Amino acid sequence: MMTMIYLILIPTTYWKMRLKYQKPPLFLHICCGPCATHVLEVLKESYHPKGFFFNPNLYPEEEYDKRLEAAGKLCRAKGIALLSPPYQPDLWLEAVHGREKDPEGGKRCEICIHYRLDATAAMAIQKGISSFGTTLTLSPHKNSFKINELGYNIAKERGVVYLAADFKKNNGFAHSVKISKAMNLYRQNYCGCCFSMKNQTSGSR
């Protein structure tokens, strides 16, 4: 008796979907669309990232809207989910109260980054995701060591995993500029808060 062998052809899209969800999820804090361009390209090789646009430091609200729109445009193009909670700058101002005169890159900035990363870690836990990261280390104006230190400490306190990285390495920032220009993404000319805006206007950074 002849044994019949049936070959079942499974569409390529099925395997792509399996590979997509086999990758571990990563809850990614996105500071802006341009910074996320290079970062998402790097992360999608090993993770299934979910974006989190949490930047209550941005000023004015029109600036917040522009950066959120750019981040949304990028995530839609890349097939990445993006969560964006309500814009609540007053809560951020409370967090940095008393540090208004700090220089750029000083204690106020450290508090700001901690505030946003801690919120990212908390939301990751709420969404059932055990790892989080940020696009902030792409910027040549940011101290990647300090950002990673803050992220690691937050992860330790909350019982999750922080993805330490320095995305500006290997020409990451230059690559992000190239991609964002090709996609016509809005690119800002100051860090984001009202204090950095004043410093930019006065000619310092």
N, C-alpha and C. Protein backbone atom coordinates (compact mmCIF):
# COMPACT_ATOMS: atom_id res chain seq x y z
N MET A 1 0.86 -1.20 0.00
CA MET A 1 0.00 0.00 0.00
C MET A 1 0.88 1.24 0.00
N MET A 2 0.60 2.13 -0.89
CA MET A 2 1.42 3.33 -1.02
C MET A 2 0.99 4.38 0.01
N THR A 3 1.98 4.92 0.69
CA THR A 3 1.71 5.98 1.68
C THR A 3 1.72 7.32 0.98
N MET A 4 0.68 8.07 1.15
CA MET A 4 0.58 9.39 0.51
C MET A 4 1.15 10.46 1.45
N ILE A 5 1.99 11.29 0.92
CA ILE A 5 2.58 12.38 1.69
C ILE A 5 2.01 13.69 1.17
N TYR A 6 1.40 14.44 2.03
CA TYR A 6 0.81 15.70 1.63
C TYR A 6 1.71 16.86 2.09
N LEU A 7 2.01 17.73 1.18
CA LEU A 7 2.84 18.89 1.48
C LEU A 7 1.93 20.10 1.67
N ILE A 8 1.96 20.64 2.84
CA ILE A 8 1.12 21.81 3.13
C ILE A 8 1.98 23.06 3.00
N LEU A 9 1.60 23.92 2.10
CA LEU A 9 2.35 25.16 1.89
C LEU A 9 1.76 26.25 2.77
N ILE A 10 2.57 26.77 3.65
CA ILE A 10 2.13 27.83 4.55
C ILE A 10 2.62 29.17 4.02
N PRO A 11 1.75 30.15 3.86
CA PRO A 11 2.15 31.45 3.32
C PRO A 11 3.31 32.08 4.08
N THR A 12 4.13 32.80 3.33
CA THR A 12 5.29 33.47 3.93
C THR A 12 4.87 34.43 5.04
N THR A 13 3.71 35.06 4.89
CA THR A 13 3.24 36.01 5.90
C THR A 13 3.04 35.34 7.25
N TYR A 14 2.68 34.04 7.21
CA TYR A 14 2.49 33.30 8.47
C TYR A 14 3.80 33.21 9.24
N TRP A 15 4.88 32.86 8.52
CA TRP A 15 6.17 32.73 9.17
C TRP A 15 6.68 34.08 9.66
N LYS A 16 6.39 35.12 8.90
CA LYS A 16 6.79 36.46 9.32
C LYS A 16 6.09 36.83 10.62
N MET A 17 4.80 36.48 10.72
CA MET A 17 4.05 36.78 11.93
C MET A 17 4.59 35.97 13.11
N ARG A 18 4.95 34.71 12.87
CA ARG A 18 5.50 33.88 13.95
C ARG A 18 6.81 34.45 14.45
N LEU A 19 7.67 34.86 13.51
CA LEU A 19 8.96 35.42 13.90
C LEU A 19 8.78 36.72 14.67
N LYS A 20 7.80 37.51 14.23
CA LYS A 20 7.52 38.79 14.86
C LYS A 20 7.18 38.61 16.33
N TYR A 21 6.32 37.65 16.63
CA TYR A 21 5.86 37.49 18.00
C TYR A 21 6.75 36.56 18.83
N GLN A 22 7.71 35.91 18.18
CA GLN A 22 8.68 35.14 18.94
C GLN A 22 9.72 36.06 19.57
N LYS A 23 9.91 37.22 19.01
CA LYS A 23 10.85 38.18 19.57
C LYS A 23 10.27 38.73 20.87
N PRO A 24 11.11 38.94 21.88
CA PRO A 24 10.60 39.47 23.15
C PRO A 24 10.11 40.91 22.99
N PRO A 25 9.04 41.28 23.68
CA PRO A 25 8.55 42.65 23.60
C PRO A 25 9.46 43.61 24.36
N LEU A 26 9.49 44.83 23.93
CA LEU A 26 10.27 45.88 24.61
C LEU A 26 9.44 47.15 24.61
N PHE A 27 9.22 47.70 25.79
CA PHE A 27 8.46 48.94 25.91
C PHE A 27 9.45 50.09 25.76
N LEU A 28 9.33 50.83 24.68
CA LEU A 28 10.33 51.82 24.30
C LEU A 28 9.85 53.26 24.50
N HIS A 29 10.53 53.99 25.38
CA HIS A 29 10.25 55.42 25.52
C HIS A 29 10.78 56.14 24.29
N ILE A 30 9.90 56.87 23.60
CA ILE A 30 10.28 57.61 22.39
C ILE A 30 10.21 59.09 22.69
N CYS A 31 11.33 59.77 22.57
CA CYS A 31 11.36 61.21 22.86
C CYS A 31 10.90 62.03 21.67
N CYS A 32 11.13 61.52 20.45
CA CYS A 32 10.70 62.21 19.23
C CYS A 32 10.84 61.25 18.05
N GLY A 33 10.22 61.61 16.93
CA GLY A 33 10.28 60.77 15.75
C GLY A 33 11.68 60.58 15.19
N PRO A 34 12.44 61.66 14.97
CA PRO A 34 13.79 61.51 14.41
C PRO A 34 14.70 60.60 15.22
N CYS A 35 14.66 60.70 16.55
CA CYS A 35 15.52 59.84 17.38
C CYS A 35 15.10 58.38 17.27
N ALA A 36 13.81 58.14 17.07
CA ALA A 36 13.32 56.77 17.02
C ALA A 36 13.64 56.07 15.70
N THR A 37 13.97 56.83 14.65
CA THR A 37 14.20 56.23 13.33
C THR A 37 15.29 55.16 13.38
N HIS A 38 16.46 55.56 13.76
CA HIS A 38 17.59 54.62 13.83
C HIS A 38 17.38 53.58 14.91
N VAL A 39 16.86 54.00 16.04
CA VAL A 39 16.69 53.09 17.18
C VAL A 39 15.75 51.94 16.82
N LEU A 40 14.64 52.23 16.16
CA LEU A 40 13.70 51.18 15.79
C LEU A 40 14.31 50.21 14.79
N GLU A 41 15.13 50.72 13.89
CA GLU A 41 15.79 49.84 12.93
C GLU A 41 16.71 48.85 13.65
N VAL A 42 17.41 49.35 14.66
CA VAL A 42 18.33 48.50 15.42
C VAL A 42 17.55 47.48 16.26
N LEU A 43 16.52 47.95 16.96
CA LEU A 43 15.80 47.09 17.89
C LEU A 43 14.96 46.03 17.22
N LYS A 44 14.42 46.32 16.05
CA LYS A 44 13.51 45.37 15.40
C LYS A 44 14.22 44.09 14.97
N GLU A 45 15.54 44.10 14.99
CA GLU A 45 16.30 42.89 14.68
C GLU A 45 16.14 41.84 15.79
N SER A 46 15.98 42.32 17.03
CA SER A 46 15.96 41.40 18.17
C SER A 46 14.72 41.50 19.06
N TYR A 47 13.93 42.57 18.89
CA TYR A 47 12.79 42.80 19.77
C TYR A 47 11.52 43.11 18.98
N HIS A 48 10.43 43.02 19.68
CA HIS A 48 9.15 43.49 19.16
C HIS A 48 8.79 44.74 19.97
N PRO A 49 9.28 45.91 19.53
CA PRO A 49 9.10 47.13 20.33
C PRO A 49 7.68 47.69 20.30
N LYS A 50 7.29 48.29 21.41
CA LYS A 50 6.04 49.03 21.52
C LYS A 50 6.41 50.43 22.00
N GLY A 51 5.98 51.44 21.26
CA GLY A 51 6.37 52.81 21.57
C GLY A 51 5.55 53.46 22.68
N PHE A 52 6.23 54.33 23.43
CA PHE A 52 5.57 55.07 24.51
C PHE A 52 6.04 56.51 24.43
N PHE A 53 5.15 57.40 24.00
CA PHE A 53 5.48 58.81 23.87
C PHE A 53 5.05 59.52 25.15
N PHE A 54 5.97 59.59 26.10
CA PHE A 54 5.69 60.24 27.38
C PHE A 54 6.71 61.35 27.58
N ASN A 55 6.32 62.57 27.24
CA ASN A 55 7.24 63.71 27.29
C ASN A 55 6.51 64.98 27.74
N PRO A 56 6.04 65.00 29.01
CA PRO A 56 5.33 66.17 29.52
C PRO A 56 6.25 67.37 29.71
N ASN A 57 7.55 67.17 29.50
CA ASN A 57 8.50 68.27 29.60
C ASN A 57 8.42 69.20 28.39
N LEU A 58 7.83 68.75 27.30
CA LEU A 58 7.83 69.53 26.07
C LEU A 58 7.01 70.81 26.21
N TYR A 59 7.57 71.88 25.64
CA TYR A 59 6.93 73.20 25.71
C TYR A 59 7.23 73.97 24.43
N PRO A 60 6.23 74.68 23.90
CA PRO A 60 4.82 74.75 24.32
C PRO A 60 4.04 73.54 23.80
N GLU A 61 2.73 73.55 23.99
CA GLU A 61 1.92 72.41 23.58
C GLU A 61 2.00 72.17 22.08
N GLU A 62 2.16 73.25 21.31
CA GLU A 62 2.29 73.10 19.86
C GLU A 62 3.53 72.27 19.52
N GLU A 63 4.59 72.44 20.29
CA GLU A 63 5.81 71.67 20.08
C GLU A 63 5.56 70.20 20.42
N TYR A 64 4.84 69.98 21.50
CA TYR A 64 4.48 68.61 21.89
C TYR A 64 3.71 67.94 20.76
N ASP A 65 2.75 68.65 20.19
CA ASP A 65 1.92 68.08 19.13
C ASP A 65 2.75 67.73 17.89
N LYS A 66 3.71 68.59 17.55
CA LYS A 66 4.55 68.35 16.38
C LYS A 66 5.40 67.09 16.56
N ARG A 67 5.96 66.94 17.76
CA ARG A 67 6.83 65.78 18.01
C ARG A 67 6.02 64.49 18.11
N LEU A 68 4.83 64.59 18.69
CA LEU A 68 3.96 63.42 18.76
C LEU A 68 3.53 63.01 17.36
N GLU A 69 3.21 63.98 16.53
CA GLU A 69 2.79 63.68 15.15
C GLU A 69 3.91 62.98 14.39
N ALA A 70 5.15 63.47 14.57
CA ALA A 70 6.30 62.86 13.88
C ALA A 70 6.53 61.43 14.38
N ALA A 71 6.41 61.22 15.69
CA ALA A 71 6.59 59.89 16.26
C ALA A 71 5.50 58.95 15.75
N GLY A 72 4.27 59.46 15.67
CA GLY A 72 3.17 58.65 15.17
C GLY A 72 3.34 58.28 13.71
N LYS A 73 3.80 59.23 12.91
CA LYS A 73 4.03 58.98 11.49
C LYS A 73 5.06 57.87 11.30
N LEU A 74 6.14 57.95 12.07
CA LEU A 74 7.19 56.94 11.97
C LEU A 74 6.67 55.56 12.40
N CYS A 75 6.00 55.51 13.53
CA CYS A 75 5.52 54.22 14.05
C CYS A 75 4.51 53.57 13.12
N ARG A 76 3.66 54.38 12.51
CA ARG A 76 2.70 53.82 11.55
C ARG A 76 3.44 53.23 10.35
N ALA A 77 4.48 53.92 9.89
CA ALA A 77 5.25 53.44 8.75
C ALA A 77 5.99 52.15 9.07
N LYS A 78 6.40 51.99 10.33
CA LYS A 78 7.16 50.81 10.75
C LYS A 78 6.29 49.71 11.33
N GLY A 79 4.98 49.96 11.44
CA GLY A 79 4.09 48.97 12.02
C GLY A 79 4.29 48.77 13.50
N ILE A 80 4.63 49.86 14.19
CA ILE A 80 4.87 49.83 15.64
C ILE A 80 3.72 50.49 16.37
N ALA A 81 3.21 49.84 17.41
CA ALA A 81 2.16 50.44 18.23
C ALA A 81 2.75 51.59 19.04
N LEU A 82 2.00 52.67 19.19
CA LEU A 82 2.47 53.83 19.96
C LEU A 82 1.41 54.26 20.95
N LEU A 83 1.78 54.26 22.20
CA LEU A 83 0.90 54.72 23.28
C LEU A 83 1.32 56.13 23.68
N SER A 84 0.35 57.03 23.77
CA SER A 84 0.66 58.40 24.19
C SER A 84 -0.37 58.87 25.21
N PRO A 85 0.01 58.94 26.48
CA PRO A 85 -0.91 59.41 27.52
C PRO A 85 -1.18 60.90 27.37
N PRO A 86 -2.16 61.44 28.07
CA PRO A 86 -2.49 62.86 27.97
C PRO A 86 -1.29 63.75 28.32
N TYR A 87 -1.25 64.89 27.69
CA TYR A 87 -0.20 65.88 27.93
C TYR A 87 -0.46 66.58 29.26
N GLN A 88 0.44 66.40 30.24
CA GLN A 88 0.26 66.98 31.57
C GLN A 88 1.55 67.67 32.03
N PRO A 89 1.85 68.82 31.47
CA PRO A 89 3.09 69.52 31.80
C PRO A 89 3.17 70.00 33.24
N ASP A 90 2.04 70.23 33.88
CA ASP A 90 2.05 70.72 35.26
C ASP A 90 2.69 69.70 36.20
N LEU A 91 2.46 68.41 35.94
CA LEU A 91 3.05 67.38 36.78
C LEU A 91 4.57 67.36 36.63
N TRP A 92 5.03 67.59 35.41
CA TRP A 92 6.48 67.64 35.17
C TRP A 92 7.10 68.86 35.87
N LEU A 93 6.42 70.00 35.78
CA LEU A 93 6.92 71.21 36.43
C LEU A 93 7.03 71.02 37.95
N GLU A 94 6.09 70.26 38.51
CA GLU A 94 6.17 69.95 39.95
C GLU A 94 7.40 69.10 40.25
N ALA A 95 7.70 68.18 39.34
CA ALA A 95 8.83 67.28 39.55
C ALA A 95 10.17 68.01 39.55
N VAL A 96 10.28 69.06 38.73
CA VAL A 96 11.56 69.79 38.62
C VAL A 96 11.54 71.11 39.40
N HIS A 97 10.51 71.31 40.20
CA HIS A 97 10.39 72.56 40.97
C HIS A 97 11.64 72.78 41.84
N GLY A 98 12.14 74.00 41.79
CA GLY A 98 13.33 74.36 42.56
C GLY A 98 14.62 74.22 41.77
N ARG A 99 14.53 73.61 40.57
CA ARG A 99 15.72 73.42 39.74
C ARG A 99 15.66 74.27 38.47
N GLU A 100 14.82 75.31 38.49
CA GLU A 100 14.61 76.13 37.30
C GLU A 100 15.89 76.79 36.79
N LYS A 101 16.82 77.11 37.68
CA LYS A 101 18.04 77.83 37.28
C LYS A 101 19.21 76.89 36.99
N ASP A 102 18.98 75.61 37.06
CA ASP A 102 20.05 74.65 36.76
C ASP A 102 20.49 74.79 35.30
N PRO A 103 21.77 74.58 35.02
CA PRO A 103 22.25 74.62 33.64
C PRO A 103 21.78 73.41 32.85
N GLU A 104 21.77 73.51 31.54
CA GLU A 104 21.42 72.37 30.70
C GLU A 104 22.38 71.21 30.97
N GLY A 105 21.82 70.03 31.13
CA GLY A 105 22.64 68.87 31.42
C GLY A 105 22.88 68.66 32.90
N GLY A 106 22.31 69.54 33.73
CA GLY A 106 22.52 69.46 35.17
C GLY A 106 21.47 68.60 35.88
N LYS A 107 21.25 68.91 37.15
CA LYS A 107 20.36 68.11 37.99
C LYS A 107 18.92 68.12 37.47
N ARG A 108 18.47 69.25 36.95
CA ARG A 108 17.10 69.32 36.44
C ARG A 108 16.89 68.31 35.31
N CYS A 109 17.86 68.22 34.42
CA CYS A 109 17.76 67.27 33.30
C CYS A 109 17.77 65.83 33.81
N GLU A 110 18.55 65.58 34.83
CA GLU A 110 18.60 64.23 35.41
C GLU A 110 17.24 63.86 36.00
N ILE A 111 16.61 64.82 36.70
CA ILE A 111 15.29 64.60 37.28
C ILE A 111 14.27 64.35 36.16
N CYS A 112 14.38 65.13 35.10
CA CYS A 112 13.47 65.01 33.96
C CYS A 112 13.56 63.62 33.32
N ILE A 113 14.77 63.16 33.08
CA ILE A 113 14.96 61.85 32.46
C ILE A 113 14.47 60.74 33.38
N HIS A 114 14.78 60.87 34.66
CA HIS A 114 14.32 59.87 35.63
C HIS A 114 12.79 59.83 35.65
N TYR A 115 12.16 60.98 35.62
CA TYR A 115 10.71 61.08 35.65
C TYR A 115 10.08 60.34 34.47
N ARG A 116 10.64 60.54 33.29
CA ARG A 116 10.09 59.90 32.08
C ARG A 116 10.40 58.41 32.01
N LEU A 117 11.59 58.03 32.41
CA LEU A 117 11.94 56.61 32.38
C LEU A 117 11.18 55.82 33.44
N ASP A 118 10.98 56.42 34.59
CA ASP A 118 10.24 55.74 35.65
C ASP A 118 8.79 55.52 35.22
N ALA A 119 8.22 56.51 34.55
CA ALA A 119 6.85 56.36 34.04
C ALA A 119 6.80 55.27 32.97
N THR A 120 7.85 55.17 32.17
CA THR A 120 7.92 54.13 31.14
C THR A 120 7.97 52.75 31.77
N ALA A 121 8.81 52.59 32.79
CA ALA A 121 8.91 51.31 33.49
C ALA A 121 7.58 50.92 34.13
N ALA A 122 6.92 51.90 34.75
CA ALA A 122 5.64 51.64 35.42
C ALA A 122 4.58 51.20 34.40
N MET A 123 4.56 51.86 33.24
CA MET A 123 3.58 51.51 32.21
C MET A 123 3.91 50.15 31.60
N ALA A 124 5.19 49.84 31.46
CA ALA A 124 5.59 48.54 30.93
C ALA A 124 5.05 47.43 31.82
N ILE A 125 5.17 47.60 33.13
CA ILE A 125 4.65 46.63 34.09
C ILE A 125 3.14 46.50 33.95
N GLN A 126 2.48 47.63 33.80
CA GLN A 126 1.02 47.64 33.66
C GLN A 126 0.58 46.88 32.41
N LYS A 127 1.40 46.97 31.36
CA LYS A 127 1.09 46.31 30.09
C LYS A 127 1.60 44.87 30.04
N GLY A 128 2.23 44.41 31.11
CA GLY A 128 2.73 43.05 31.16
C GLY A 128 4.00 42.83 30.38
N ILE A 129 4.79 43.90 30.21
CA ILE A 129 6.06 43.81 29.48
C ILE A 129 7.20 43.96 30.48
N SER A 130 8.15 43.04 30.44
CA SER A 130 9.19 42.99 31.47
C SER A 130 10.44 43.79 31.14
N SER A 131 10.53 44.35 29.94
CA SER A 131 11.73 45.10 29.54
C SER A 131 11.35 46.47 28.98
N PHE A 132 12.21 47.46 29.26
CA PHE A 132 11.96 48.79 28.71
C PHE A 132 13.29 49.44 28.31
N GLY A 133 13.17 50.47 27.47
CA GLY A 133 14.36 51.20 27.02
C GLY A 133 13.96 52.59 26.58
N THR A 134 14.89 53.33 26.03
CA THR A 134 14.62 54.69 25.59
C THR A 134 15.44 55.06 24.37
N THR A 135 14.93 56.01 23.60
CA THR A 135 15.65 56.52 22.43
C THR A 135 16.58 57.67 22.79
N LEU A 136 16.56 58.10 24.04
CA LEU A 136 17.30 59.30 24.45
C LEU A 136 18.80 59.23 24.20
N THR A 137 19.39 58.05 24.23
CA THR A 137 20.84 57.96 24.10
C THR A 137 21.32 58.18 22.66
N LEU A 138 20.40 58.39 21.73
CA LEU A 138 20.81 58.69 20.35
C LEU A 138 21.37 60.10 20.24
N SER A 139 20.87 61.00 21.05
CA SER A 139 21.25 62.41 20.95
C SER A 139 22.71 62.66 21.34
N PRO A 140 23.45 63.40 20.53
CA PRO A 140 24.84 63.73 20.88
C PRO A 140 24.91 64.72 22.04
N HIS A 141 23.77 65.29 22.41
CA HIS A 141 23.72 66.26 23.51
C HIS A 141 23.38 65.60 24.84
N LYS A 142 23.17 64.28 24.84
CA LYS A 142 22.78 63.57 26.05
C LYS A 142 23.92 62.67 26.55
N ASN A 143 24.03 62.56 27.87
CA ASN A 143 25.02 61.70 28.50
C ASN A 143 24.47 60.27 28.59
N SER A 144 24.90 59.42 27.69
CA SER A 144 24.37 58.06 27.63
C SER A 144 24.67 57.27 28.90
N PHE A 145 25.84 57.48 29.47
CA PHE A 145 26.19 56.77 30.70
C PHE A 145 25.21 57.11 31.81
N LYS A 146 24.89 58.39 31.97
CA LYS A 146 23.97 58.81 33.03
C LYS A 146 22.56 58.29 32.76
N ILE A 147 22.12 58.33 31.51
CA ILE A 147 20.79 57.83 31.16
C ILE A 147 20.68 56.34 31.48
N ASN A 148 21.71 55.59 31.10
CA ASN A 148 21.69 54.14 31.36
C ASN A 148 21.76 53.83 32.85
N GLU A 149 22.49 54.64 33.59
CA GLU A 149 22.56 54.46 35.03
C GLU A 149 21.19 54.68 35.67
N LEU A 150 20.50 55.72 35.23
CA LEU A 150 19.16 56.00 35.74
C LEU A 150 18.21 54.86 35.38
N GLY A 151 18.28 54.41 34.13
CA GLY A 151 17.42 53.32 33.69
C GLY A 151 17.65 52.04 34.48
N TYR A 152 18.91 51.73 34.71
CA TYR A 152 19.26 50.52 35.46
C TYR A 152 18.73 50.60 36.89
N ASN A 153 18.88 51.75 37.54
CA ASN A 153 18.42 51.90 38.92
C ASN A 153 16.90 51.79 39.02
N ILE A 154 16.21 52.38 38.05
CA ILE A 154 14.75 52.29 38.02
C ILE A 154 14.31 50.84 37.84
N ALA A 155 14.98 50.15 36.93
CA ALA A 155 14.65 48.74 36.67
C ALA A 155 14.84 47.89 37.92
N LYS A 156 15.91 48.17 38.63
CA LYS A 156 16.20 47.42 39.86
C LYS A 156 15.12 47.66 40.91
N GLU A 157 14.69 48.91 41.02
CA GLU A 157 13.66 49.26 42.01
C GLU A 157 12.31 48.65 41.66
N ARG A 158 12.00 48.59 40.39
CA ARG A 158 10.67 48.14 39.96
C ARG A 158 10.63 46.65 39.58
N GLY A 159 11.77 46.02 39.53
CA GLY A 159 11.79 44.60 39.23
C GLY A 159 11.57 44.25 37.78
N VAL A 160 12.08 45.10 36.89
CA VAL A 160 12.01 44.84 35.45
C VAL A 160 13.42 44.91 34.87
N VAL A 161 13.51 44.80 33.55
CA VAL A 161 14.81 44.83 32.89
C VAL A 161 14.94 46.09 32.04
N TYR A 162 16.07 46.76 32.15
CA TYR A 162 16.34 47.95 31.34
C TYR A 162 17.35 47.60 30.25
N LEU A 163 17.04 47.99 29.02
CA LEU A 163 17.95 47.76 27.91
C LEU A 163 18.93 48.93 27.82
N ALA A 164 20.14 48.74 28.32
CA ALA A 164 21.17 49.77 28.25
C ALA A 164 21.74 49.83 26.84
N ALA A 165 21.89 51.03 26.31
CA ALA A 165 22.42 51.18 24.95
C ALA A 165 22.96 52.59 24.76
N ASP A 166 23.80 52.74 23.77
CA ASP A 166 24.28 54.05 23.35
C ASP A 166 24.05 54.11 21.84
N PHE A 167 22.85 54.52 21.46
CA PHE A 167 22.44 54.45 20.06
C PHE A 167 23.16 55.45 19.15
N LYS A 168 23.90 56.40 19.74
CA LYS A 168 24.62 57.34 18.89
C LYS A 168 25.88 56.71 18.29
N LYS A 169 26.29 55.55 18.84
CA LYS A 169 27.48 54.87 18.33
C LYS A 169 27.27 54.37 16.91
N ASN A 170 28.37 54.14 16.21
CA ASN A 170 28.33 53.64 14.83
C ASN A 170 27.51 54.56 13.92
N ASN A 171 27.71 55.87 14.11
CA ASN A 171 27.05 56.89 13.29
C ASN A 171 25.52 56.83 13.39
N GLY A 172 25.04 56.40 14.55
CA GLY A 172 23.60 56.30 14.73
C GLY A 172 22.87 57.61 14.55
N PHE A 173 23.43 58.70 15.09
CA PHE A 173 22.77 59.99 14.97
C PHE A 173 22.72 60.44 13.51
N ALA A 174 23.83 60.31 12.80
CA ALA A 174 23.87 60.71 11.39
C ALA A 174 22.87 59.90 10.58
N HIS A 175 22.75 58.63 10.90
CA HIS A 175 21.78 57.77 10.21
C HIS A 175 20.36 58.23 10.48
N SER A 176 20.09 58.66 11.71
CA SER A 176 18.75 59.13 12.06
C SER A 176 18.40 60.39 11.29
N VAL A 177 19.38 61.27 11.10
CA VAL A 177 19.15 62.51 10.34
C VAL A 177 18.79 62.17 8.89
N LYS A 178 19.51 61.23 8.33
CA LYS A 178 19.26 60.82 6.94
C LYS A 178 17.85 60.24 6.77
N ILE A 179 17.45 59.37 7.69
CA ILE A 179 16.13 58.74 7.59
C ILE A 179 15.02 59.77 7.80
N SER A 180 15.17 60.61 8.81
CA SER A 180 14.12 61.58 9.12
C SER A 180 13.93 62.60 8.00
N LYS A 181 15.03 62.94 7.32
CA LYS A 181 14.91 63.85 6.17
C LYS A 181 14.18 63.17 5.02
N ALA A 182 14.50 61.90 4.80
CA ALA A 182 13.86 61.14 3.73
C ALA A 182 12.36 60.99 3.99
N MET A 183 11.99 60.87 5.27
CA MET A 183 10.58 60.71 5.63
C MET A 183 9.88 62.04 5.88
N ASN A 184 10.65 63.12 5.80
CA ASN A 184 10.12 64.46 6.03
C ASN A 184 9.50 64.58 7.43
N LEU A 185 10.24 64.08 8.42
CA LEU A 185 9.80 64.17 9.80
C LEU A 185 10.20 65.51 10.41
N TYR A 186 9.37 66.04 11.24
CA TYR A 186 9.69 67.29 11.94
C TYR A 186 10.91 67.10 12.84
N ARG A 187 11.89 68.00 12.71
CA ARG A 187 13.08 67.95 13.55
C ARG A 187 13.16 69.22 14.38
N GLN A 188 13.28 69.07 15.67
CA GLN A 188 13.31 70.20 16.59
C GLN A 188 14.71 70.80 16.66
N ASN A 189 14.79 72.04 17.17
CA ASN A 189 16.11 72.69 17.31
C ASN A 189 16.44 73.02 18.77
N TYR A 190 15.70 72.43 19.71
CA TYR A 190 16.04 72.55 21.13
C TYR A 190 15.55 71.30 21.84
N CYS A 191 16.07 71.05 23.04
CA CYS A 191 15.80 69.80 23.73
C CYS A 191 14.31 69.57 23.94
N GLY A 192 13.60 70.60 24.45
CA GLY A 192 12.16 70.41 24.58
C GLY A 192 11.45 71.23 25.63
N CYS A 193 12.05 71.42 26.81
CA CYS A 193 11.35 72.13 27.88
C CYS A 193 11.48 73.64 27.73
N CYS A 194 10.72 74.37 28.54
CA CYS A 194 10.73 75.83 28.46
C CYS A 194 12.10 76.39 28.80
N PHE A 195 12.84 75.70 29.67
CA PHE A 195 14.16 76.18 30.07
C PHE A 195 15.18 76.00 28.95
N SER A 196 15.13 74.85 28.28
CA SER A 196 16.05 74.63 27.16
C SER A 196 15.70 75.53 25.99
N MET A 197 14.42 75.87 25.86
CA MET A 197 13.99 76.78 24.80
C MET A 197 14.59 78.17 25.01
N LYS A 198 14.60 78.61 26.27
CA LYS A 198 15.19 79.92 26.60
C LYS A 198 16.68 79.92 26.35
N ASN A 199 17.35 78.82 26.69
CA ASN A 199 18.80 78.71 26.45
C ASN A 199 19.12 78.72 24.97
N GLN A 200 18.28 78.07 24.17
CA GLN A 200 18.49 78.05 22.73
C GLN A 200 18.32 79.44 22.15
N THR A 201 17.31 80.16 22.64
CA THR A 201 17.05 81.53 22.18
C THR A 201 18.21 82.47 22.52
N SER A 202 18.82 82.24 23.70
CA SER A 202 19.93 83.09 24.14
C SER A 202 21.25 82.70 23.50
N GLY A 203 21.25 81.58 22.75
CA GLY A 203 22.46 81.19 22.04
C GLY A 203 23.30 80.16 22.74
N SER A 204 22.87 79.68 23.90
CA SER A 204 23.63 78.66 24.63
C SER A 204 22.89 77.34 24.55
N ARG A 205 23.61 76.26 24.88
CA ARG A 205 22.96 74.94 24.85
C ARG A 205 23.52 74.09 25.98
